[in-house]
Amino acid sequence: PENGRIHKRATASVPSPVKNIRTYLHENGLEYPPSDIFFDLFTKEMKKYYSITDLQMLENHDVEYVETLRKNKYSRREWNHKL
């Protein structure tokens, strides 16, 4: 870097409270479903929100490609900082 400073490319974090969904529902007097039912409901709502009709499982070559990207691109210092 010209002046010895590193320029971050990543978006700055915004501190905000994070709460467990089960705790949130309990504190608001709401029932919380078992995990399998919760994830089914969550998936349906996300599909509706994003106008998705079908979900497909990733195939092995897809998972390998994502892992390769993670390791060779997104985990590298150059990706997160502009030197």
Protein backbone atom coordinates (compact mmCIF):
# COMPACT_ATOMS: atom_id res chain seq x y z
CA PRO A 1 0.00 0.00 0.00
CA GLU A 2 1.09 3.53 -0.77
CA ASN A 3 0.84 4.91 2.75
CA GLY A 4 1.20 1.62 4.62
CA ARG A 5 -2.52 1.29 5.28
CA ILE A 6 -4.63 -1.71 4.38
CA HIS A 7 -7.95 -1.04 2.68
CA LYS A 8 -10.60 -3.53 3.67
CA ARG A 9 -12.92 -4.75 0.93
CA ALA A 10 -15.36 -6.44 3.26
CA THR A 11 -18.49 -4.63 4.35
CA ALA A 12 -18.17 -3.23 7.84
CA SER A 13 -20.10 -5.08 10.51
CA VAL A 14 -23.01 -3.38 12.21
CA PRO A 15 -23.32 -4.43 15.84
CA SER A 16 -26.81 -5.62 16.63
CA PRO A 17 -28.27 -7.95 19.20
CA VAL A 18 -28.70 -11.57 18.22
CA LYS A 19 -31.29 -13.71 19.93
CA ASN A 20 -32.03 -17.40 19.87
CA ILE A 21 -35.35 -18.01 18.07
CA ARG A 22 -36.61 -20.33 20.78
CA THR A 23 -35.84 -17.72 23.47
CA TYR A 24 -37.54 -15.00 21.42
CA LEU A 25 -40.70 -17.06 20.97
CA HIS A 26 -40.77 -18.05 24.65
CA GLU A 27 -40.33 -14.42 25.81
CA ASN A 28 -43.22 -13.38 23.57
CA GLY A 29 -45.53 -16.09 24.87
CA LEU A 30 -45.43 -18.06 21.64
CA GLU A 31 -45.11 -21.80 21.23
CA TYR A 32 -42.04 -23.11 19.51
CA PRO A 33 -42.39 -26.17 17.30
CA PRO A 34 -39.95 -29.09 17.19
CA SER A 35 -36.93 -28.46 14.96
CA ASP A 36 -38.13 -30.54 12.01
CA ILE A 37 -41.46 -28.71 11.88
CA PHE A 38 -39.75 -25.33 12.35
CA PHE A 39 -37.39 -25.94 9.43
CA ASP A 40 -40.24 -27.13 7.21
CA LEU A 41 -42.19 -23.93 7.99
CA PHE A 42 -39.08 -21.79 7.55
CA THR A 43 -38.31 -23.41 4.19
CA LYS A 44 -41.86 -22.86 2.95
CA GLU A 45 -41.77 -19.19 3.95
CA MET A 46 -38.38 -18.62 2.31
CA LYS A 47 -39.54 -20.29 -0.89
CA LYS A 48 -42.63 -18.10 -0.90
CA TYR A 49 -40.65 -14.93 -0.14
CA TYR A 50 -38.13 -15.59 -2.92
CA SER A 51 -40.71 -17.03 -5.36
CA ILE A 52 -38.94 -20.40 -5.50
CA THR A 53 -40.96 -23.44 -6.51
CA ASP A 54 -38.38 -26.22 -6.11
CA LEU A 55 -35.37 -26.92 -3.97
CA GLN A 56 -32.69 -29.33 -5.06
CA MET A 57 -29.95 -31.01 -3.07
CA LEU A 58 -26.44 -30.06 -4.08
CA GLU A 59 -24.58 -32.80 -5.87
CA ASN A 60 -21.08 -33.82 -4.82
CA HIS A 61 -19.43 -31.83 -7.61
CA ASP A 62 -21.37 -28.71 -6.51
CA VAL A 63 -20.20 -29.11 -2.92
CA GLU A 64 -16.62 -29.63 -4.10
CA TYR A 65 -16.81 -26.48 -6.26
CA VAL A 66 -18.13 -24.39 -3.35
CA GLU A 67 -15.41 -25.74 -1.06
CA THR A 68 -12.75 -24.95 -3.68
CA LEU A 69 -14.03 -21.38 -3.99
CA ARG A 70 -14.08 -20.98 -0.23
CA LYS A 71 -10.54 -22.25 0.15
CA ASN A 72 -8.89 -20.72 -2.91
CA LYS A 73 -10.71 -17.40 -3.16
CA TYR A 74 -12.80 -16.27 -0.21
CA SER A 75 -10.40 -17.40 2.54
CA ARG A 76 -7.47 -15.56 1.01
CA ARG A 77 -6.18 -12.33 2.47
CA GLU A 78 -6.29 -10.72 -0.97
CA TRP A 79 -10.05 -11.22 -1.15
CA ASN A 80 -10.72 -9.51 2.17
CA HIS A 81 -8.14 -6.74 1.99
CA LYS A 82 -7.02 -4.55 -0.88
CA LEU A 83 -3.27 -4.10 -0.50
